[in-house]
Every structure is written in C-alpha cells, then in structure tokens.
Amino acid sequence: MGIFRILSLLVCLLIAPVFILAQNANTVYIEKYKGLAIDLMHQTNVPASVILGVAMVESGAGNSALSRKFNNHFGITGTNTNAIEKLGRRTRYKEYESDTASFRHFCDMLAKKQFYPKLVDKQDYKLWVPAIRRTGYAGSAQTWEKKVKTAIIKNKLYELDRISMDPLAK
C-alpha cells in the first residue's frame, strides 16, 4: 500500500466522525421538531420542510447560542433584556419563552409577508424559500437560499409536506 493511500485512509478515518456527528445532530433536531413543524404547517399553510429547513440553517440544528440560550431558532431580531446575563454581551436577537414560541412567531411573520397569499395553497419549498429570501430575511441571500434548499433535500424534509392531519389517511 502506497503512502498516498495510507494518508488518504487516515484522513478519511479522522474526518468521518465529524460527518457522522453532523448528520446525527440533524437527525436529532428533525425528530425533536418535526411534529411541531407539521402542526404549524396545518395551522398556517407554511410547508413543514420550509419551517424545519430554515430553523436548521439558522440554529445550526439547535446548536447555536441563540437557540440554546434564547429559544430563537430563526435568528429573529427584537428586544432582549436578558442578553447580558445569559451571553455576557448585548444582542439584537429576540428571546422566546419556548422553542414552540419561536417556531410559531416565524410562521406568523411569514403570514404577514406580501408573498404569503400567493403561496398559501402551494406546499413547494422551491417557491417558498426564494420568496422568503427576497423579503430580505437572510443577510447572505444567495448562500442562505442554497443552504436551506440543501438542508431540505439532504434530509428529505419535503416528505413532511405531504403528511395529512387525518390520522386515517395513508
């Protein structure tokens, strides 16, 4: 076995756990919040794939300081009187009483956007994600859209958009 093959194998062995941990974090996050995303989809008509995809990107699958300390899974700005106590510095990001409140506020915020009436009956993340981007929601617009779509595709979140409220439906 040549030195190049040995080095390649060694690099793969060292890097593989990082990919496994990242995928595991995504899986854990999806399992934790998919029920909430599906419920909100049926209440607000925002696709569950969009809700979870944006939350995963914005919160680092729940690993960001914002999501852990402020229950803010969407990077939404607002008043935060506890920031110095919790982070040791001021922040412009809003704190929520719960994860559910953060997810709900995101959906309510989208329902007030101009594009909402045009997409309310369409459960297609390919329409929703660019529409959200165009509102100025994300700072790095093109990169953000690609990251959200990648999260949706890679984790097959689009499958959640087809889940019915009817427990007897298949």
N, C-alpha and C. Protein backbone atom coordinates (compact mmCIF):
# COMPACT_ATOMS: atom_id res chain seq x y z
N MET A 1 0.86 -1.17 0.00
CA MET A 1 0.00 0.00 0.00
C MET A 1 0.90 1.23 0.00
N GLY A 2 0.65 2.13 -0.93
CA GLY A 2 1.47 3.33 -1.06
C GLY A 2 1.17 4.34 0.03
N ILE A 3 2.12 5.26 0.21
CA ILE A 3 1.99 6.29 1.24
C ILE A 3 0.75 7.17 1.00
N PHE A 4 0.45 7.44 -0.27
CA PHE A 4 -0.72 8.26 -0.59
C PHE A 4 -2.00 7.58 -0.13
N ARG A 5 -2.09 6.28 -0.37
CA ARG A 5 -3.30 5.53 0.04
C ARG A 5 -3.42 5.47 1.55
N ILE A 6 -2.29 5.33 2.22
CA ILE A 6 -2.30 5.29 3.69
C ILE A 6 -2.75 6.64 4.25
N LEU A 7 -2.20 7.71 3.69
CA LEU A 7 -2.58 9.05 4.14
C LEU A 7 -4.06 9.33 3.85
N SER A 8 -4.52 8.91 2.68
CA SER A 8 -5.93 9.10 2.33
C SER A 8 -6.84 8.36 3.29
N LEU A 9 -6.49 7.14 3.60
CA LEU A 9 -7.26 6.34 4.54
C LEU A 9 -7.26 6.99 5.92
N LEU A 10 -6.13 7.48 6.36
CA LEU A 10 -6.01 8.13 7.65
C LEU A 10 -6.88 9.40 7.71
N VAL A 11 -6.85 10.19 6.67
CA VAL A 11 -7.67 11.40 6.61
C VAL A 11 -9.15 11.03 6.66
N CYS A 12 -9.55 10.03 5.92
CA CYS A 12 -10.95 9.59 5.93
C CYS A 12 -11.37 9.12 7.32
N LEU A 13 -10.52 8.39 7.98
CA LEU A 13 -10.83 7.91 9.32
C LEU A 13 -10.95 9.05 10.33
N LEU A 14 -10.17 10.09 10.13
CA LEU A 14 -10.21 11.23 11.03
C LEU A 14 -11.41 12.14 10.76
N ILE A 15 -11.81 12.26 9.51
CA ILE A 15 -12.89 13.17 9.13
C ILE A 15 -14.26 12.52 9.28
N ALA A 16 -14.36 11.23 9.09
CA ALA A 16 -15.65 10.53 9.11
C ALA A 16 -16.48 10.82 10.37
N PRO A 17 -15.89 10.81 11.56
CA PRO A 17 -16.71 11.09 12.76
C PRO A 17 -17.35 12.47 12.73
N VAL A 18 -16.71 13.45 12.13
CA VAL A 18 -17.27 14.80 12.04
C VAL A 18 -18.55 14.77 11.21
N PHE A 19 -18.52 14.09 10.07
CA PHE A 19 -19.70 13.99 9.22
C PHE A 19 -20.81 13.20 9.90
N ILE A 20 -20.45 12.16 10.61
CA ILE A 20 -21.44 11.34 11.31
C ILE A 20 -22.10 12.15 12.40
N LEU A 21 -21.31 12.92 13.17
CA LEU A 21 -21.87 13.75 14.23
C LEU A 21 -22.78 14.82 13.67
N ALA A 22 -22.39 15.45 12.57
CA ALA A 22 -23.22 16.49 11.96
C ALA A 22 -24.53 15.89 11.49
N GLN A 23 -24.49 14.74 10.84
CA GLN A 23 -25.71 14.10 10.37
C GLN A 23 -26.58 13.69 11.54
N ASN A 24 -25.95 13.19 12.61
CA ASN A 24 -26.70 12.79 13.79
C ASN A 24 -27.39 14.00 14.42
N ALA A 25 -26.71 15.15 14.48
CA ALA A 25 -27.31 16.37 15.03
C ALA A 25 -28.54 16.76 14.22
N ASN A 26 -28.45 16.66 12.91
CA ASN A 26 -29.59 16.98 12.05
C ASN A 26 -30.75 16.02 12.32
N THR A 27 -30.45 14.74 12.41
CA THR A 27 -31.48 13.72 12.66
C THR A 27 -32.17 13.97 14.00
N VAL A 28 -31.40 14.24 15.02
CA VAL A 28 -31.96 14.50 16.35
C VAL A 28 -32.85 15.74 16.31
N TYR A 29 -32.38 16.79 15.64
CA TYR A 29 -33.14 18.04 15.54
C TYR A 29 -34.46 17.81 14.80
N ILE A 30 -34.38 17.11 13.69
CA ILE A 30 -35.59 16.83 12.91
C ILE A 30 -36.60 16.03 13.74
N GLU A 31 -36.14 15.00 14.40
CA GLU A 31 -37.03 14.18 15.22
C GLU A 31 -37.68 15.00 16.33
N LYS A 32 -36.91 15.91 16.91
CA LYS A 32 -37.41 16.72 18.01
C LYS A 32 -38.49 17.71 17.55
N TYR A 33 -38.32 18.30 16.36
CA TYR A 33 -39.20 19.39 15.95
C TYR A 33 -40.13 19.09 14.77
N LYS A 34 -40.06 17.91 14.19
CA LYS A 34 -40.90 17.66 13.01
C LYS A 34 -42.38 17.68 13.34
N GLY A 35 -42.78 17.19 14.49
CA GLY A 35 -44.19 17.22 14.88
C GLY A 35 -44.70 18.65 15.00
N LEU A 36 -43.89 19.51 15.59
CA LEU A 36 -44.25 20.92 15.71
C LEU A 36 -44.36 21.57 14.33
N ALA A 37 -43.39 21.28 13.46
CA ALA A 37 -43.41 21.85 12.11
C ALA A 37 -44.64 21.39 11.33
N ILE A 38 -45.01 20.13 11.48
CA ILE A 38 -46.19 19.60 10.78
C ILE A 38 -47.47 20.26 11.33
N ASP A 39 -47.57 20.38 12.65
CA ASP A 39 -48.73 21.05 13.25
C ASP A 39 -48.84 22.49 12.74
N LEU A 40 -47.72 23.20 12.73
CA LEU A 40 -47.73 24.59 12.26
C LEU A 40 -48.06 24.68 10.78
N MET A 41 -47.60 23.71 10.01
CA MET A 41 -47.94 23.67 8.58
C MET A 41 -49.45 23.62 8.41
N HIS A 42 -50.11 22.78 9.19
CA HIS A 42 -51.56 22.63 9.05
C HIS A 42 -52.31 23.84 9.60
N GLN A 43 -51.70 24.57 10.51
CA GLN A 43 -52.34 25.77 11.05
C GLN A 43 -52.10 27.01 10.19
N THR A 44 -50.91 27.10 9.58
CA THR A 44 -50.52 28.35 8.90
C THR A 44 -50.30 28.19 7.39
N ASN A 45 -50.28 26.96 6.90
CA ASN A 45 -50.02 26.64 5.49
C ASN A 45 -48.59 26.91 5.05
N VAL A 46 -47.68 27.14 5.98
CA VAL A 46 -46.26 27.23 5.65
C VAL A 46 -45.74 25.80 5.62
N PRO A 47 -45.11 25.36 4.54
CA PRO A 47 -44.65 23.96 4.47
C PRO A 47 -43.72 23.59 5.63
N ALA A 48 -43.93 22.41 6.17
CA ALA A 48 -43.08 21.92 7.27
C ALA A 48 -41.62 21.87 6.83
N SER A 49 -41.38 21.54 5.57
CA SER A 49 -39.99 21.48 5.07
C SER A 49 -39.32 22.84 5.17
N VAL A 50 -40.06 23.90 4.90
CA VAL A 50 -39.51 25.25 4.97
C VAL A 50 -39.26 25.64 6.42
N ILE A 51 -40.22 25.35 7.28
CA ILE A 51 -40.07 25.67 8.70
C ILE A 51 -38.82 25.00 9.26
N LEU A 52 -38.71 23.70 9.05
CA LEU A 52 -37.56 22.96 9.59
C LEU A 52 -36.25 23.30 8.87
N GLY A 53 -36.30 23.47 7.57
CA GLY A 53 -35.09 23.79 6.81
C GLY A 53 -34.48 25.11 7.25
N VAL A 54 -35.32 26.13 7.40
CA VAL A 54 -34.83 27.44 7.85
C VAL A 54 -34.33 27.34 9.28
N ALA A 55 -35.08 26.66 10.14
CA ALA A 55 -34.66 26.50 11.54
C ALA A 55 -33.31 25.78 11.64
N MET A 56 -33.12 24.74 10.85
CA MET A 56 -31.86 24.01 10.89
C MET A 56 -30.68 24.89 10.48
N VAL A 57 -30.86 25.66 9.42
CA VAL A 57 -29.79 26.53 8.94
C VAL A 57 -29.52 27.64 9.95
N GLU A 58 -30.57 28.30 10.39
CA GLU A 58 -30.40 29.45 11.29
C GLU A 58 -29.89 29.07 12.67
N SER A 59 -30.23 27.88 13.15
CA SER A 59 -29.84 27.49 14.51
C SER A 59 -28.69 26.49 14.54
N GLY A 60 -28.16 26.13 13.38
CA GLY A 60 -27.13 25.09 13.37
C GLY A 60 -27.67 23.80 13.94
N ALA A 61 -28.89 23.46 13.54
CA ALA A 61 -29.60 22.27 14.04
C ALA A 61 -29.69 22.29 15.56
N GLY A 62 -29.98 23.48 16.09
CA GLY A 62 -30.18 23.63 17.53
C GLY A 62 -28.92 23.83 18.34
N ASN A 63 -27.79 23.95 17.69
CA ASN A 63 -26.51 24.09 18.40
C ASN A 63 -26.05 25.53 18.59
N SER A 64 -26.72 26.49 17.98
CA SER A 64 -26.29 27.89 18.12
C SER A 64 -26.62 28.40 19.53
N ALA A 65 -25.86 29.40 19.95
CA ALA A 65 -26.12 30.03 21.26
C ALA A 65 -27.52 30.64 21.29
N LEU A 66 -27.96 31.20 20.17
CA LEU A 66 -29.30 31.79 20.11
C LEU A 66 -30.39 30.76 20.40
N SER A 67 -30.27 29.60 19.80
CA SER A 67 -31.31 28.59 20.02
C SER A 67 -31.21 27.99 21.42
N ARG A 68 -30.00 27.78 21.90
CA ARG A 68 -29.83 27.16 23.22
C ARG A 68 -30.19 28.10 24.37
N LYS A 69 -29.80 29.37 24.26
CA LYS A 69 -30.00 30.30 25.38
C LYS A 69 -31.26 31.14 25.26
N PHE A 70 -31.72 31.40 24.03
CA PHE A 70 -32.86 32.28 23.82
C PHE A 70 -34.03 31.61 23.12
N ASN A 71 -33.96 30.31 22.87
CA ASN A 71 -35.02 29.59 22.14
C ASN A 71 -35.32 30.23 20.80
N ASN A 72 -34.34 30.89 20.20
CA ASN A 72 -34.51 31.59 18.93
C ASN A 72 -33.89 30.74 17.83
N HIS A 73 -34.73 30.02 17.10
CA HIS A 73 -34.25 29.09 16.07
C HIS A 73 -34.20 29.72 14.69
N PHE A 74 -34.58 30.99 14.58
CA PHE A 74 -34.68 31.61 13.25
C PHE A 74 -33.87 32.89 13.11
N GLY A 75 -33.08 33.24 14.10
CA GLY A 75 -32.27 34.45 14.01
C GLY A 75 -33.10 35.72 13.93
N ILE A 76 -34.26 35.72 14.56
CA ILE A 76 -35.16 36.87 14.51
C ILE A 76 -34.70 37.92 15.52
N THR A 77 -34.66 39.16 15.06
CA THR A 77 -34.21 40.25 15.92
C THR A 77 -35.37 40.81 16.73
N GLY A 78 -35.01 41.47 17.83
CA GLY A 78 -36.00 42.08 18.70
C GLY A 78 -35.41 42.41 20.05
N THR A 79 -36.22 42.88 20.93
CA THR A 79 -35.78 43.26 22.26
C THR A 79 -35.37 42.04 23.07
N ASN A 80 -34.26 42.18 23.79
CA ASN A 80 -33.79 41.09 24.63
C ASN A 80 -33.14 41.68 25.88
N THR A 81 -33.86 41.64 26.98
CA THR A 81 -33.36 42.21 28.22
C THR A 81 -32.45 41.26 29.00
N ASN A 82 -32.42 40.00 28.65
CA ASN A 82 -31.60 39.02 29.37
C ASN A 82 -30.27 38.71 28.70
N ALA A 83 -29.94 39.38 27.62
CA ALA A 83 -28.76 39.03 26.83
C ALA A 83 -27.46 39.15 27.62
N ILE A 84 -27.28 40.24 28.34
CA ILE A 84 -26.03 40.43 29.06
C ILE A 84 -25.86 39.34 30.12
N GLU A 85 -26.93 39.04 30.81
CA GLU A 85 -26.89 37.99 31.84
C GLU A 85 -26.57 36.61 31.25
N LYS A 86 -27.16 36.30 30.10
CA LYS A 86 -27.00 34.97 29.51
C LYS A 86 -25.80 34.83 28.59
N LEU A 87 -25.46 35.90 27.87
CA LEU A 87 -24.36 35.84 26.90
C LEU A 87 -23.13 36.63 27.33
N GLY A 88 -23.31 37.54 28.29
CA GLY A 88 -22.21 38.39 28.70
C GLY A 88 -22.03 39.60 27.79
N ARG A 89 -22.98 39.83 26.91
CA ARG A 89 -22.93 40.97 25.99
C ARG A 89 -24.34 41.26 25.49
N ARG A 90 -24.49 42.43 24.90
CA ARG A 90 -25.78 42.80 24.31
C ARG A 90 -25.97 42.04 23.00
N THR A 91 -27.22 41.86 22.64
CA THR A 91 -27.53 41.24 21.35
C THR A 91 -28.80 41.86 20.81
N ARG A 92 -28.92 41.82 19.51
CA ARG A 92 -30.13 42.36 18.88
C ARG A 92 -31.15 41.26 18.63
N TYR A 93 -30.86 40.05 19.05
CA TYR A 93 -31.75 38.93 18.77
C TYR A 93 -32.76 38.72 19.89
N LYS A 94 -33.97 38.41 19.47
CA LYS A 94 -35.11 38.23 20.36
C LYS A 94 -34.99 36.93 21.16
N GLU A 95 -35.49 36.99 22.39
CA GLU A 95 -35.58 35.79 23.22
C GLU A 95 -37.03 35.34 23.26
N TYR A 96 -37.23 34.02 23.20
CA TYR A 96 -38.58 33.45 23.25
C TYR A 96 -38.73 32.63 24.52
N GLU A 97 -39.95 32.54 25.01
CA GLU A 97 -40.21 31.77 26.22
C GLU A 97 -40.04 30.27 25.99
N SER A 98 -40.16 29.85 24.72
CA SER A 98 -40.02 28.43 24.40
C SER A 98 -39.64 28.26 22.94
N ASP A 99 -39.20 27.06 22.60
CA ASP A 99 -38.92 26.74 21.20
C ASP A 99 -40.19 26.88 20.37
N THR A 100 -41.30 26.41 20.92
CA THR A 100 -42.58 26.48 20.22
C THR A 100 -42.94 27.92 19.88
N ALA A 101 -42.70 28.84 20.81
CA ALA A 101 -42.99 30.25 20.57
C ALA A 101 -42.15 30.80 19.43
N SER A 102 -40.90 30.35 19.33
CA SER A 102 -40.02 30.78 18.25
C SER A 102 -40.54 30.29 16.90
N PHE A 103 -40.88 29.02 16.83
CA PHE A 103 -41.40 28.43 15.59
C PHE A 103 -42.71 29.11 15.19
N ARG A 104 -43.58 29.34 16.14
CA ARG A 104 -44.87 29.97 15.89
C ARG A 104 -44.66 31.39 15.34
N HIS A 105 -43.76 32.16 15.98
CA HIS A 105 -43.52 33.54 15.54
C HIS A 105 -42.99 33.58 14.12
N PHE A 106 -42.13 32.64 13.76
CA PHE A 106 -41.60 32.58 12.40
C PHE A 106 -42.75 32.40 11.40
N CYS A 107 -43.65 31.48 11.68
CA CYS A 107 -44.78 31.23 10.77
C CYS A 107 -45.72 32.43 10.72
N ASP A 108 -45.97 33.04 11.87
CA ASP A 108 -46.83 34.23 11.90
C ASP A 108 -46.19 35.37 11.13
N MET A 109 -44.88 35.49 11.22
CA MET A 109 -44.15 36.53 10.49
C MET A 109 -44.31 36.31 8.98
N LEU A 110 -44.18 35.06 8.53
CA LEU A 110 -44.34 34.77 7.10
C LEU A 110 -45.75 35.06 6.62
N ALA A 111 -46.73 34.80 7.47
CA ALA A 111 -48.13 35.02 7.09
C ALA A 111 -48.43 36.50 6.83
N LYS A 112 -47.58 37.38 7.32
CA LYS A 112 -47.78 38.83 7.11
C LYS A 112 -47.03 39.35 5.89
N LYS A 113 -46.27 38.49 5.23
CA LYS A 113 -45.48 38.91 4.07
C LYS A 113 -46.37 38.99 2.83
N GLN A 114 -45.97 39.84 1.92
CA GLN A 114 -46.73 40.08 0.70
C GLN A 114 -46.87 38.82 -0.17
N PHE A 115 -45.87 37.96 -0.16
CA PHE A 115 -45.91 36.76 -0.99
C PHE A 115 -46.85 35.69 -0.44
N TYR A 116 -47.18 35.76 0.83
CA TYR A 116 -47.94 34.70 1.50
C TYR A 116 -49.24 34.33 0.79
N PRO A 117 -50.11 35.29 0.43
CA PRO A 117 -51.37 34.91 -0.23
C PRO A 117 -51.16 34.14 -1.54
N LYS A 118 -50.06 34.41 -2.22
CA LYS A 118 -49.80 33.74 -3.50
C LYS A 118 -49.34 32.30 -3.30
N LEU A 119 -48.74 32.02 -2.14
CA LEU A 119 -48.16 30.69 -1.90
C LEU A 119 -48.94 29.86 -0.89
N VAL A 120 -49.95 30.44 -0.26
CA VAL A 120 -50.63 29.78 0.85
C VAL A 120 -51.16 28.38 0.49
N ASP A 121 -51.52 28.15 -0.75
CA ASP A 121 -52.03 26.84 -1.15
C ASP A 121 -50.99 25.96 -1.84
N LYS A 122 -49.76 26.42 -1.85
CA LYS A 122 -48.69 25.67 -2.52
C LYS A 122 -47.70 25.13 -1.48
N GLN A 123 -47.58 23.84 -1.42
CA GLN A 123 -46.67 23.20 -0.49
C GLN A 123 -45.36 22.85 -1.19
N ASP A 124 -44.72 23.84 -1.78
CA ASP A 124 -43.49 23.61 -2.55
C ASP A 124 -42.37 24.50 -2.03
N TYR A 125 -41.41 23.89 -1.36
CA TYR A 125 -40.30 24.65 -0.80
C TYR A 125 -39.54 25.43 -1.86
N LYS A 126 -39.56 24.95 -3.12
CA LYS A 126 -38.84 25.63 -4.20
C LYS A 126 -39.44 27.00 -4.50
N LEU A 127 -40.67 27.22 -4.11
CA LEU A 127 -41.31 28.53 -4.26
C LEU A 127 -41.15 29.37 -2.99
N TRP A 128 -41.28 28.73 -1.84
CA TRP A 128 -41.26 29.44 -0.56
C TRP A 128 -39.87 29.99 -0.21
N VAL A 129 -38.84 29.20 -0.37
CA VAL A 129 -37.50 29.63 0.06
C VAL A 129 -37.04 30.89 -0.69
N PRO A 130 -37.13 30.94 -2.03
CA PRO A 130 -36.74 32.18 -2.71
C PRO A 130 -37.64 33.37 -2.33
N ALA A 131 -38.91 33.11 -2.09
CA ALA A 131 -39.83 34.18 -1.70
C ALA A 131 -39.40 34.77 -0.35
N ILE A 132 -39.02 33.92 0.57
CA ILE A 132 -38.55 34.39 1.88
C ILE A 132 -37.25 35.18 1.70
N ARG A 133 -36.35 34.67 0.88
CA ARG A 133 -35.07 35.35 0.63
C ARG A 133 -35.30 36.75 0.07
N ARG A 134 -36.23 36.87 -0.85
CA ARG A 134 -36.49 38.17 -1.49
C ARG A 134 -37.03 39.21 -0.51
N THR A 135 -37.56 38.79 0.63
CA THR A 135 -38.06 39.75 1.61
C THR A 135 -36.94 40.38 2.42
N GLY A 136 -35.71 39.90 2.22
CA GLY A 136 -34.58 40.42 2.98
C GLY A 136 -34.38 39.69 4.30
N TYR A 137 -35.01 38.54 4.45
CA TYR A 137 -34.91 37.77 5.70
C TYR A 137 -33.47 37.39 6.01
N ALA A 138 -32.73 36.97 5.00
CA ALA A 138 -31.37 36.48 5.21
C ALA A 138 -30.35 37.51 4.78
N GLY A 139 -29.28 37.62 5.57
CA GLY A 139 -28.22 38.57 5.23
C GLY A 139 -27.44 38.16 3.99
N SER A 140 -27.05 36.91 3.91
CA SER A 140 -26.31 36.40 2.76
C SER A 140 -27.29 35.67 1.84
N ALA A 141 -28.05 36.43 1.11
CA ALA A 141 -29.21 35.94 0.38
C ALA A 141 -28.98 34.68 -0.46
N GLN A 142 -28.09 34.72 -1.43
CA GLN A 142 -27.90 33.57 -2.32
C GLN A 142 -27.36 32.36 -1.55
N THR A 143 -26.42 32.58 -0.67
CA THR A 143 -25.85 31.49 0.11
C THR A 143 -26.92 30.89 1.02
N TRP A 144 -27.71 31.75 1.64
CA TRP A 144 -28.75 31.30 2.56
C TRP A 144 -29.75 30.40 1.84
N GLU A 145 -30.22 30.85 0.69
CA GLU A 145 -31.20 30.07 -0.07
C GLU A 145 -30.65 28.69 -0.41
N LYS A 146 -29.42 28.64 -0.85
CA LYS A 146 -28.81 27.36 -1.20
C LYS A 146 -28.68 26.46 0.02
N LYS A 147 -28.29 27.02 1.16
CA LYS A 147 -28.16 26.23 2.39
C LYS A 147 -29.49 25.65 2.83
N VAL A 148 -30.54 26.46 2.76
CA VAL A 148 -31.86 25.98 3.18
C VAL A 148 -32.35 24.89 2.24
N LYS A 149 -32.24 25.12 0.95
CA LYS A 149 -32.68 24.09 -0.01
C LYS A 149 -31.87 22.81 0.15
N THR A 150 -30.57 22.93 0.40
CA THR A 150 -29.73 21.75 0.60
C THR A 150 -30.17 20.99 1.85
N ALA A 151 -30.48 21.71 2.92
CA ALA A 151 -30.94 21.05 4.15
C ALA A 151 -32.25 20.31 3.90
N ILE A 152 -33.13 20.92 3.15
CA ILE A 152 -34.42 20.28 2.84
C ILE A 152 -34.23 19.02 2.01
N ILE A 153 -33.40 19.12 0.98
CA ILE A 153 -33.18 17.97 0.09
C ILE A 153 -32.40 16.86 0.79
N LYS A 154 -31.30 17.23 1.42
CA LYS A 154 -30.43 16.24 2.06
C LYS A 154 -31.16 15.44 3.14
N ASN A 155 -32.06 16.11 3.86
CA ASN A 155 -32.79 15.46 4.95
C ASN A 155 -34.20 15.02 4.55
N LYS A 156 -34.52 15.14 3.24
CA LYS A 156 -35.82 14.74 2.70
C LYS A 156 -36.99 15.37 3.48
N LEU A 157 -36.81 16.63 3.87
CA LEU A 157 -37.85 17.32 4.63
C LEU A 157 -39.11 17.54 3.81
N TYR A 158 -38.99 17.56 2.49
CA TYR A 158 -40.15 17.73 1.61
C TYR A 158 -41.18 16.64 1.83
N GLU A 159 -40.77 15.50 2.34
CA GLU A 159 -41.71 14.41 2.62
C GLU A 159 -42.70 14.81 3.72
N LEU A 160 -42.29 15.70 4.62
CA LEU A 160 -43.17 16.14 5.71
C LEU A 160 -44.33 16.97 5.18
N ASP A 161 -44.14 17.61 4.04
CA ASP A 161 -45.18 18.47 3.47
C ASP A 161 -46.40 17.68 3.00
N ARG A 162 -46.26 16.38 2.89
CA ARG A 162 -47.36 15.53 2.41
C ARG A 162 -48.12 14.85 3.54
N ILE A 163 -47.72 15.11 4.77
CA ILE A 163 -48.36 14.43 5.90
C ILE A 163 -49.70 15.09 6.21
N SER A 164 -50.72 14.29 6.24
CA SER A 164 -52.09 14.75 6.44
C SER A 164 -52.39 14.88 7.94
N MET A 165 -53.34 15.72 8.26
CA MET A 165 -53.83 15.84 9.64
C MET A 165 -54.72 14.66 9.98
N ASP A 166 -55.28 14.02 8.98
CA ASP A 166 -56.20 12.91 9.18
C ASP A 166 -55.41 11.67 9.59
N PRO A 167 -55.57 11.18 10.82
CA PRO A 167 -54.81 10.01 11.26
C PRO A 167 -55.13 8.75 10.47
N LEU A 168 -56.26 8.72 9.76
CA LEU A 168 -56.63 7.55 8.97
C LEU A 168 -56.10 7.62 7.55
N ALA A 169 -55.60 8.79 7.15
CA ALA A 169 -55.06 8.95 5.79
C ALA A 169 -53.73 8.24 5.68
N LYS A 170 -53.46 7.69 4.51
CA LYS A 170 -52.19 6.96 4.31
C LYS A 170 -51.30 7.73 3.39
